[in-house]
Amino acid sequence: MTTDLRALVANGDIAFTGAKPKLPTTLPDVTDSMLEVYRIPLKYLYYNDENGRIATQIKREYGDITPHSDETGADYNDKIAQFIEEDNPTALKKTKKSIKDKSQQVYGYVLQDGRIIDGNRRFTALRQLVDELGTTQYFEAVILPFTYDAKAQRAQIKRLELAIQMGVEDKLQYDPVDLSVDAYNTIIIDELMTVNDYAKESNLKVKDVEDRLATVELIHDFLVFINAPDNAYYLIKDVKLYNPLYELVKKLQKYFQNAGPKYSQTKETAFALLSKMISTGGDTVREVRDYVNNVMDTANNDEYNNQVEDIVEHLRDKLEVEPIKTAADFRKRLDSATPELRELNETYVTTVNRQNRGKNVDNFIGDVKETLNTLQDMHRGGGLTGNLHFNNFSRDQIEEIRDMLVKINLVSSDLIGVYEDEL
């Protein structure tokens, strides 16, 4: 059940405060005569489940949920109010004290059915004051003549929401996942705005919006890779993976202009390495940059992809045991894939070391000298170094070392010829 707030205004059930604000953006269907602030009883209002800040949180905790006002039942608003409080308890406490001491100083915006477009924290504070003081509270807000039923009206609502939330300096900043998903839903799914429109209303650069859209597409692919629902954006927030994926997508776009087999293989390799980074912890953004610089952006990329192809498949087999729904599920599955992640990392380290050897002449000569020193130590020690004895080795390990020495002998003979030709 929804309530028509404008009908209540016409009946005298909702009072006009006398304030007439100015919109932060231009809406074609809104005239100055509509911009009046009213004192609205809290029971008629409800949080906007389409709000970019809280939509991901709702999906994580409750899946699909039907929004409604306290007039129908307080369960919905109570659940969202908990999100608001947990997100920034200090800001909520400050807002509540301000309203208690000086009344509501900043008006909000609501739709005619009671959906709150701006003012979640103020509404939350007012609901808490009702419980704490036992007094009747009112939310002062502009009542816009819109609902979410019509697509054209949703577009205007989104423009207003972005202008308010993103165009005011002291507003709480969007979580990057929430902002990117909001842009994706607005532009790609609902087709309410163009990229340029969204960039203008949200005070972002067009390239930034485009990168965010591409990041959401990559998030979809990553979630499918780990066997999670492709819209489980909360998982990306919980494992703090947005910034690495944002960094990665820009590099993938740079090095692979057209999607193809090499792009797909590199993408899956990168997803496997991201999983390893989550498992071991650390600065994932820096590690992604290192991977790009040392492998993806080198001649070794194809070779590395081929070397780890089977490892990546075995990792996916572990991830596909059952669907992943939470960050805890994901970490538990990664624990079960420790052998694969260790082998993946060992191959990565070997590739990076090989790549780094050729970065400058001094390092290269130093590596050759170190190899010579190791072989000389072995020669002086009768085949071993330090305190090792042959009875420390298995027969297979002795055979492995012998075979490597044979290969070293053959390769070094060929290399002597290469350097003779350069003299």
Protein backbone atom coordinates (compact mmCIF):
# COMPACT_ATOMS: atom_id res chain seq x y z
CA MET A 1 0.00 0.00 0.00
CA THR A 2 1.32 3.46 -0.93
CA THR A 3 0.10 6.87 0.14
CA ASP A 4 -0.30 9.85 -2.19
CA LEU A 5 1.39 12.64 -0.26
CA ARG A 6 0.14 15.33 -2.61
CA ALA A 7 -3.43 14.20 -1.99
CA LEU A 8 -2.75 14.51 1.76
CA VAL A 9 -1.44 18.03 1.13
CA ALA A 10 -4.63 18.89 -0.76
CA ASN A 11 -6.71 17.55 2.14
CA GLY A 12 -4.77 19.60 4.67
CA ASP A 13 -3.23 16.55 6.36
CA ILE A 14 0.33 17.67 5.58
CA ALA A 15 1.40 21.22 6.39
CA PHE A 16 3.42 23.64 4.25
CA THR A 17 6.44 25.17 6.05
CA GLY A 18 6.64 28.27 3.88
CA ALA A 19 10.12 27.42 2.53
CA LYS A 20 10.59 27.42 -1.24
CA PRO A 21 13.98 25.94 -2.22
CA LYS A 22 15.80 25.90 -5.55
CA LEU A 23 16.62 22.60 -7.23
CA PRO A 24 20.34 21.78 -7.69
CA THR A 25 19.60 20.79 -11.30
CA THR A 26 17.00 21.50 -13.97
CA LEU A 27 14.07 19.09 -14.28
CA PRO A 28 11.77 19.77 -17.25
CA ASP A 29 8.57 18.66 -15.49
CA VAL A 30 9.14 20.63 -12.29
CA THR A 31 8.13 24.27 -11.92
CA ASP A 32 9.00 26.69 -9.12
CA SER A 33 5.43 26.47 -7.82
CA MET A 34 6.00 22.76 -7.02
CA LEU A 35 9.08 23.43 -4.91
CA GLU A 36 7.57 23.79 -1.50
CA VAL A 37 8.79 22.19 1.72
CA TYR A 38 6.25 20.25 3.82
CA ARG A 39 6.27 18.75 7.32
CA ILE A 40 5.57 15.09 6.57
CA PRO A 41 4.61 12.54 9.25
CA LEU A 42 7.29 9.84 9.34
CA LYS A 43 4.78 7.01 8.98
CA TYR A 44 4.18 7.88 5.31
CA LEU A 45 7.85 7.65 4.28
CA TYR A 46 10.23 4.86 3.30
CA TYR A 47 13.83 4.43 2.19
CA ASN A 48 14.58 4.18 -1.52
CA ASP A 49 15.69 0.61 -2.29
CA GLU A 50 17.06 1.90 -5.63
CA ASN A 51 19.40 4.31 -3.90
CA GLY A 52 22.95 3.67 -5.08
CA ARG A 53 24.36 3.78 -1.56
CA ILE A 54 22.18 1.04 -0.07
CA ALA A 55 21.10 -1.17 -2.98
CA THR A 56 24.21 -3.39 -2.69
CA GLN A 57 23.73 -3.75 1.05
CA ILE A 58 20.09 -4.77 0.62
CA LYS A 59 21.11 -7.41 -1.93
CA ARG A 60 23.71 -8.83 0.44
CA GLU A 61 21.47 -9.07 3.51
CA TYR A 62 17.98 -9.65 2.16
CA GLY A 63 18.02 -10.31 -1.57
CA ASP A 64 14.75 -9.11 -3.08
CA ILE A 65 12.74 -7.06 -0.60
CA THR A 66 9.57 -5.00 -1.08
CA PRO A 67 9.88 -1.44 0.24
CA HIS A 68 7.04 0.12 2.22
CA SER A 69 6.38 2.82 4.79
CA ASP A 70 5.93 2.43 8.54
CA GLU A 71 2.20 2.84 7.99
CA THR A 72 2.25 -0.70 6.56
CA GLY A 73 4.85 -2.06 8.97
CA ALA A 74 8.19 -0.89 10.34
CA ASP A 75 10.21 -3.97 9.37
CA TYR A 76 11.49 -2.61 6.04
CA ASN A 77 12.53 0.81 7.34
CA ASP A 78 14.05 -0.76 10.45
CA LYS A 79 16.31 -2.97 8.32
CA ILE A 80 17.54 -0.10 6.15
CA ALA A 81 17.95 2.18 9.17
CA GLN A 82 20.42 -0.34 10.57
CA PHE A 83 22.52 -0.01 7.39
CA ILE A 84 22.49 3.78 7.70
CA GLU A 85 23.63 3.66 11.32
CA GLU A 86 26.36 1.06 10.76
CA ASP A 87 27.70 2.91 7.73
CA ASN A 88 28.60 6.06 9.68
CA PRO A 89 27.43 6.11 13.31
CA THR A 90 29.37 9.31 14.06
CA ALA A 91 27.65 11.24 11.27
CA LEU A 92 24.23 9.92 12.36
CA LYS A 93 24.87 10.94 15.97
CA LYS A 94 25.89 14.43 14.82
CA THR A 95 22.79 14.78 12.64
CA LYS A 96 20.51 13.62 15.44
CA LYS A 97 22.03 16.12 17.92
CA SER A 98 21.63 18.94 15.42
CA ILE A 99 17.95 18.11 14.82
CA LYS A 100 17.34 17.74 18.58
CA ASP A 101 18.98 21.10 19.39
CA LYS A 102 17.98 23.22 16.40
CA SER A 103 15.32 21.17 14.53
CA GLN A 104 15.87 19.99 10.95
CA GLN A 105 18.01 22.55 9.12
CA VAL A 106 18.33 20.89 5.71
CA TYR A 107 15.21 19.74 3.89
CA GLY A 108 14.99 16.52 1.93
CA TYR A 109 13.32 15.33 -1.27
CA VAL A 110 10.64 12.66 -1.46
CA LEU A 111 8.38 11.30 -4.17
CA GLN A 112 4.63 11.56 -3.93
CA ASP A 113 4.37 7.93 -2.76
CA GLY A 114 6.72 8.60 0.20
CA ARG A 115 9.96 7.25 -1.31
CA ILE A 116 12.91 9.26 0.03
CA ILE A 117 15.26 10.54 -2.68
CA ASP A 118 17.46 12.60 -0.40
CA GLY A 119 17.66 12.65 3.40
CA ASN A 120 18.25 9.07 4.55
CA ARG A 121 20.38 10.06 7.53
CA ARG A 122 17.97 12.82 8.62
CA PHE A 123 15.03 10.43 8.36
CA THR A 124 16.94 7.84 10.39
CA ALA A 125 17.76 10.40 13.08
CA LEU A 126 14.12 11.50 13.29
CA ARG A 127 12.92 7.90 13.69
CA GLN A 128 15.41 7.40 16.52
CA LEU A 129 14.30 10.63 18.21
CA VAL A 130 10.72 9.38 18.23
CA ASP A 131 11.85 6.35 20.25
CA GLU A 132 14.25 8.27 22.49
CA LEU A 133 12.08 11.32 23.28
CA GLY A 134 8.62 9.87 22.83
CA THR A 135 7.64 12.91 20.77
CA THR A 136 6.11 13.24 17.30
CA GLN A 137 8.65 14.12 14.62
CA TYR A 138 8.19 15.36 11.05
CA PHE A 139 10.47 15.10 8.04
CA GLU A 140 10.68 18.42 6.22
CA ALA A 141 10.99 17.80 2.50
CA VAL A 142 9.96 18.79 -1.02
CA ILE A 143 7.32 16.46 -2.44
CA LEU A 144 8.15 15.82 -6.10
CA PRO A 145 5.26 14.91 -8.44
CA PHE A 146 6.97 11.69 -9.54
CA THR A 147 6.89 7.96 -8.91
CA TYR A 148 9.16 5.14 -10.09
CA ASP A 149 6.38 3.77 -12.30
CA ALA A 150 7.26 5.79 -15.42
CA LYS A 151 10.70 5.46 -17.05
CA ALA A 152 10.81 9.14 -18.02
CA GLN A 153 10.16 10.11 -14.41
CA ARG A 154 12.82 7.69 -13.14
CA ALA A 155 15.32 9.46 -15.38
CA GLN A 156 14.47 12.81 -13.80
CA ILE A 157 14.60 11.30 -10.32
CA LYS A 158 18.07 9.91 -11.02
CA ARG A 159 19.29 13.26 -12.29
CA LEU A 160 18.11 14.92 -9.12
CA GLU A 161 19.60 12.23 -6.89
CA LEU A 162 23.00 12.52 -8.58
CA ALA A 163 22.96 16.31 -8.46
CA ILE A 164 22.24 16.21 -4.72
CA GLN A 165 24.49 13.31 -3.74
CA MET A 166 27.47 14.00 -6.02
CA GLY A 167 27.31 17.73 -6.63
CA VAL A 168 27.59 18.90 -3.02
CA GLU A 169 31.07 18.94 -1.48
CA ASP A 170 30.14 18.04 2.10
CA LYS A 171 28.04 15.04 1.15
CA LEU A 172 29.19 11.57 2.23
CA GLN A 173 31.18 10.05 -0.64
CA TYR A 174 29.81 7.02 -2.47
CA ASP A 175 31.52 3.68 -1.99
CA PRO A 176 33.23 3.03 -5.37
CA VAL A 177 31.33 -0.24 -5.87
CA ASP A 178 27.99 1.43 -5.16
CA LEU A 179 28.76 4.34 -7.48
CA SER A 180 29.91 2.13 -10.35
CA VAL A 181 26.96 -0.23 -10.04
CA ASP A 182 24.59 2.76 -9.86
CA ALA A 183 26.13 4.13 -13.07
CA TYR A 184 25.87 0.71 -14.74
CA ASN A 185 22.23 0.23 -13.77
CA THR A 186 21.30 3.78 -14.76
CA ILE A 187 23.10 3.80 -18.11
CA ILE A 188 23.22 0.18 -19.28
CA ILE A 189 20.37 -1.66 -17.59
CA ASP A 190 17.63 0.98 -17.23
CA GLU A 191 18.87 3.22 -20.08
CA LEU A 192 17.81 6.31 -18.14
CA MET A 193 20.83 8.41 -19.04
CA THR A 194 23.77 8.54 -21.41
CA VAL A 195 27.35 8.37 -20.21
CA ASN A 196 27.69 12.12 -20.79
CA ASP A 197 24.48 12.85 -18.85
CA TYR A 198 25.59 10.76 -15.91
CA ALA A 199 29.04 12.35 -15.89
CA LYS A 200 27.55 15.84 -15.92
CA GLU A 201 25.04 15.26 -13.12
CA SER A 202 27.48 13.35 -10.92
CA ASN A 203 30.36 15.81 -11.46
CA LEU A 204 32.61 13.07 -12.88
CA LYS A 205 34.72 12.91 -16.00
CA VAL A 206 33.28 10.98 -18.94
CA LYS A 207 36.35 8.69 -19.06
CA ASP A 208 35.92 7.89 -15.37
CA VAL A 209 32.30 6.87 -15.93
CA GLU A 210 33.34 4.72 -18.91
CA ASP A 211 36.04 3.02 -16.83
CA ARG A 212 33.52 2.35 -14.06
CA LEU A 213 31.11 0.74 -16.51
CA ALA A 214 33.91 -1.45 -17.84
CA THR A 215 34.88 -2.35 -14.27
CA VAL A 216 31.35 -3.57 -13.53
CA GLU A 217 31.50 -5.76 -16.63
CA LEU A 218 34.81 -7.18 -15.37
CA ILE A 219 33.25 -7.69 -11.93
CA HIS A 220 30.53 -9.78 -13.58
CA ASP A 221 33.19 -11.94 -15.23
CA PHE A 222 35.17 -12.31 -12.00
CA LEU A 223 32.10 -13.33 -10.00
CA VAL A 224 31.25 -15.96 -12.63
CA PHE A 225 34.90 -17.14 -12.51
CA ILE A 226 34.69 -17.76 -8.74
CA ASN A 227 31.24 -19.40 -9.05
CA ALA A 228 29.24 -16.58 -7.44
CA PRO A 229 26.12 -14.79 -8.79
CA ASP A 230 27.20 -12.16 -11.30
CA ASN A 231 25.34 -9.45 -9.35
CA ALA A 232 26.84 -10.31 -5.94
CA TYR A 233 28.57 -6.93 -5.84
CA TYR A 234 28.75 -7.07 -2.06
CA LEU A 235 31.41 -9.79 -2.41
CA ILE A 236 33.68 -7.32 -4.21
CA LYS A 237 33.19 -4.87 -1.35
CA ASP A 238 33.79 -7.50 1.33
CA VAL A 239 37.08 -8.73 -0.13
CA LYS A 240 38.13 -5.17 -1.09
CA LEU A 241 38.69 -6.00 -4.72
CA TYR A 242 37.15 -3.02 -6.53
CA ASN A 243 40.32 -0.93 -6.87
CA PRO A 244 42.45 -3.82 -8.23
CA LEU A 245 39.73 -4.63 -10.79
CA TYR A 246 39.42 -0.93 -11.72
CA GLU A 247 43.20 -0.87 -12.24
CA LEU A 248 43.14 -4.13 -14.19
CA VAL A 249 40.34 -3.20 -16.57
CA LYS A 250 42.18 -0.12 -17.82
CA LYS A 251 45.23 -2.25 -18.65
CA LEU A 252 43.19 -4.96 -20.33
CA GLN A 253 41.54 -2.31 -22.50
CA LYS A 254 44.95 -0.91 -23.39
CA TYR A 255 46.67 -4.17 -24.32
CA PHE A 256 43.70 -6.02 -25.83
CA GLN A 257 41.71 -3.70 -28.10
CA ASN A 258 39.44 -6.52 -29.23
CA ALA A 259 38.20 -9.41 -27.12
CA GLY A 260 39.66 -12.67 -28.31
CA PRO A 261 41.35 -15.88 -27.08
CA LYS A 262 44.44 -14.06 -25.75
CA TYR A 263 42.28 -11.53 -23.91
CA SER A 264 40.13 -14.27 -22.37
CA GLN A 265 43.15 -16.31 -21.32
CA THR A 266 44.90 -13.28 -19.79
CA LYS A 267 41.73 -12.28 -17.98
CA GLU A 268 41.32 -15.70 -16.38
CA THR A 269 45.00 -15.77 -15.42
CA ALA A 270 44.56 -12.35 -13.79
CA PHE A 271 41.46 -13.58 -11.93
CA ALA A 272 43.43 -16.55 -10.61
CA LEU A 273 46.23 -14.24 -9.43
CA LEU A 274 43.67 -11.96 -7.77
CA SER A 275 42.35 -14.99 -5.92
CA LYS A 276 45.89 -15.77 -4.78
CA MET A 277 46.31 -12.17 -3.59
CA ILE A 278 43.10 -12.38 -1.57
CA SER A 279 44.26 -15.65 -0.04
CA THR A 280 47.65 -14.28 1.02
CA GLY A 281 46.61 -10.69 1.79
CA GLY A 282 48.66 -7.58 1.08
CA ASP A 283 48.40 -4.56 -1.21
CA THR A 284 46.39 -5.97 -4.09
CA VAL A 285 46.50 -2.75 -6.14
CA ARG A 286 50.30 -2.71 -6.05
CA GLU A 287 50.44 -6.43 -6.80
CA VAL A 288 48.16 -5.98 -9.83
CA ARG A 289 50.43 -3.20 -11.12
CA ASP A 290 53.46 -5.45 -10.64
CA TYR A 291 51.71 -8.24 -12.56
CA VAL A 292 50.86 -5.87 -15.40
CA ASN A 293 54.40 -4.43 -15.61
CA ASN A 294 56.27 -7.70 -15.18
CA VAL A 295 54.07 -10.12 -17.12
CA MET A 296 51.03 -8.76 -18.96
CA ASP A 297 52.97 -5.95 -20.63
CA THR A 298 55.87 -8.18 -21.69
CA ALA A 299 56.71 -10.78 -24.29
CA ASN A 300 56.36 -13.43 -21.57
CA ASN A 301 52.58 -12.96 -21.21
CA ASP A 302 51.53 -15.71 -23.63
CA GLU A 303 54.12 -18.13 -22.27
CA TYR A 304 53.02 -17.49 -18.70
CA ASN A 305 49.35 -17.93 -19.61
CA ASN A 306 50.15 -21.28 -21.23
CA GLN A 307 52.25 -22.41 -18.27
CA VAL A 308 49.47 -21.76 -15.75
CA GLU A 309 46.50 -22.78 -17.92
CA ASP A 310 46.08 -26.18 -16.25
CA ILE A 311 46.61 -24.67 -12.80
CA VAL A 312 43.84 -22.13 -13.45
CA GLU A 313 41.50 -24.92 -14.54
CA HIS A 314 42.24 -26.92 -11.39
CA LEU A 315 41.57 -23.79 -9.31
CA ARG A 316 38.21 -23.35 -11.04
CA ASP A 317 37.37 -26.97 -10.30
CA LYS A 318 37.88 -26.23 -6.59
CA LEU A 319 35.79 -23.07 -6.80
CA GLU A 320 32.94 -24.88 -8.55
CA VAL A 321 32.36 -27.43 -5.81
CA GLU A 322 29.31 -25.39 -4.77
CA PRO A 323 28.09 -21.80 -5.29
CA ILE A 324 29.92 -19.06 -3.40
CA LYS A 325 27.54 -16.71 -1.60
CA THR A 326 29.71 -14.90 0.94
CA ALA A 327 33.27 -13.71 1.41
CA ALA A 328 33.70 -16.45 4.02
CA ASP A 329 32.64 -19.05 1.41
CA PHE A 330 35.20 -17.64 -1.01
CA ARG A 331 38.08 -17.66 1.49
CA LYS A 332 37.20 -21.19 2.59
CA ARG A 333 37.26 -22.39 -1.02
CA LEU A 334 40.60 -20.67 -1.59
CA ASP A 335 41.98 -22.49 1.43
CA SER A 336 41.02 -25.77 -0.22
CA ALA A 337 42.91 -24.64 -3.34
CA THR A 338 46.17 -23.86 -1.52
CA PRO A 339 48.27 -26.28 -3.67
CA GLU A 340 47.02 -24.69 -6.90
CA LEU A 341 47.55 -21.15 -5.59
CA ARG A 342 51.06 -22.03 -4.41
CA GLU A 343 51.96 -23.51 -7.80
CA LEU A 344 50.46 -20.50 -9.56
CA ASN A 345 52.56 -18.16 -7.43
CA GLU A 346 55.77 -20.17 -7.93
CA THR A 347 55.35 -19.99 -11.70
CA TYR A 348 54.62 -16.28 -11.45
CA VAL A 349 57.72 -15.59 -9.34
CA THR A 350 59.90 -17.59 -11.74
CA THR A 351 58.51 -15.63 -14.70
CA VAL A 352 59.04 -12.28 -12.98
CA ASN A 353 62.59 -13.17 -11.98
CA ARG A 354 63.40 -14.19 -15.53
CA GLN A 355 61.89 -10.96 -16.84
CA ASN A 356 63.82 -8.83 -14.34
CA ARG A 357 67.16 -10.39 -15.25
CA GLY A 358 67.21 -8.55 -18.52
CA LYS A 359 66.33 -5.10 -17.19
CA ASN A 360 69.91 -3.83 -17.13
CA VAL A 361 73.44 -5.04 -17.93
CA ASP A 362 74.75 -5.02 -14.35
CA ASN A 363 71.88 -7.16 -13.06
CA PHE A 364 72.27 -9.56 -15.97
CA ILE A 365 76.02 -10.02 -15.42
CA GLY A 366 75.39 -10.37 -11.68
CA ASP A 367 72.90 -13.20 -12.29
CA VAL A 368 75.38 -15.03 -14.55
CA LYS A 369 78.11 -14.66 -11.90
CA GLU A 370 75.76 -15.98 -9.22
CA THR A 371 75.05 -19.06 -11.34
CA LEU A 372 78.80 -19.58 -11.81
CA ASN A 373 79.43 -19.17 -8.07
CA THR A 374 76.78 -21.78 -7.28
CA LEU A 375 78.32 -24.29 -9.71
CA GLN A 376 81.83 -23.60 -8.40
CA ASP A 377 80.66 -24.16 -4.83
CA MET A 378 79.12 -27.46 -5.90
CA HIS A 379 82.35 -28.45 -7.65
CA ARG A 380 84.46 -27.67 -4.58
CA GLY A 381 82.02 -29.59 -2.38
CA GLY A 382 82.05 -32.72 -4.48
CA GLY A 383 78.62 -31.96 -5.97
CA LEU A 384 77.02 -30.34 -2.93
CA THR A 385 77.27 -27.14 -0.88
CA GLY A 386 77.16 -26.29 2.78
CA ASN A 387 76.38 -29.13 5.19
CA LEU A 388 74.36 -31.20 2.74
CA HIS A 389 75.11 -34.90 2.20
CA PHE A 390 73.92 -37.19 -0.56
CA ASN A 391 72.00 -39.26 1.97
CA ASN A 392 69.78 -36.19 2.47
CA PHE A 393 68.42 -36.67 -1.07
CA SER A 394 66.10 -39.21 -2.58
CA ARG A 395 67.12 -41.06 -5.74
CA ASP A 396 64.61 -39.00 -7.77
CA GLN A 397 66.09 -35.74 -6.47
CA ILE A 398 69.63 -36.83 -7.39
CA GLU A 399 68.43 -37.74 -10.89
CA GLU A 400 66.70 -34.35 -11.18
CA ILE A 401 69.89 -32.46 -10.26
CA ARG A 402 71.96 -34.57 -12.67
CA ASP A 403 69.51 -33.88 -15.51
CA MET A 404 69.61 -30.14 -14.80
CA LEU A 405 73.44 -30.17 -14.90
CA VAL A 406 73.33 -31.95 -18.26
CA LYS A 407 70.99 -29.23 -19.59
CA ILE A 408 73.22 -26.51 -18.16
CA ASN A 409 76.20 -28.07 -19.94
CA LEU A 410 74.37 -28.24 -23.27
CA VAL A 411 72.89 -24.75 -23.04
CA SER A 412 76.17 -23.18 -21.92
CA SER A 413 77.97 -24.76 -24.88
CA ASP A 414 75.51 -23.17 -27.29
CA LEU A 415 75.71 -19.82 -25.52
CA ILE A 416 79.51 -19.77 -25.74
CA GLY A 417 79.07 -19.86 -29.52
CA VAL A 418 76.58 -16.96 -29.39
CA TYR A 419 79.04 -14.77 -27.48
CA GLU A 420 81.96 -15.83 -29.70
CA ASP A 421 79.99 -14.47 -32.67
CA GLU A 422 79.60 -11.12 -30.93
CA LEU A 423 83.34 -10.66 -30.35
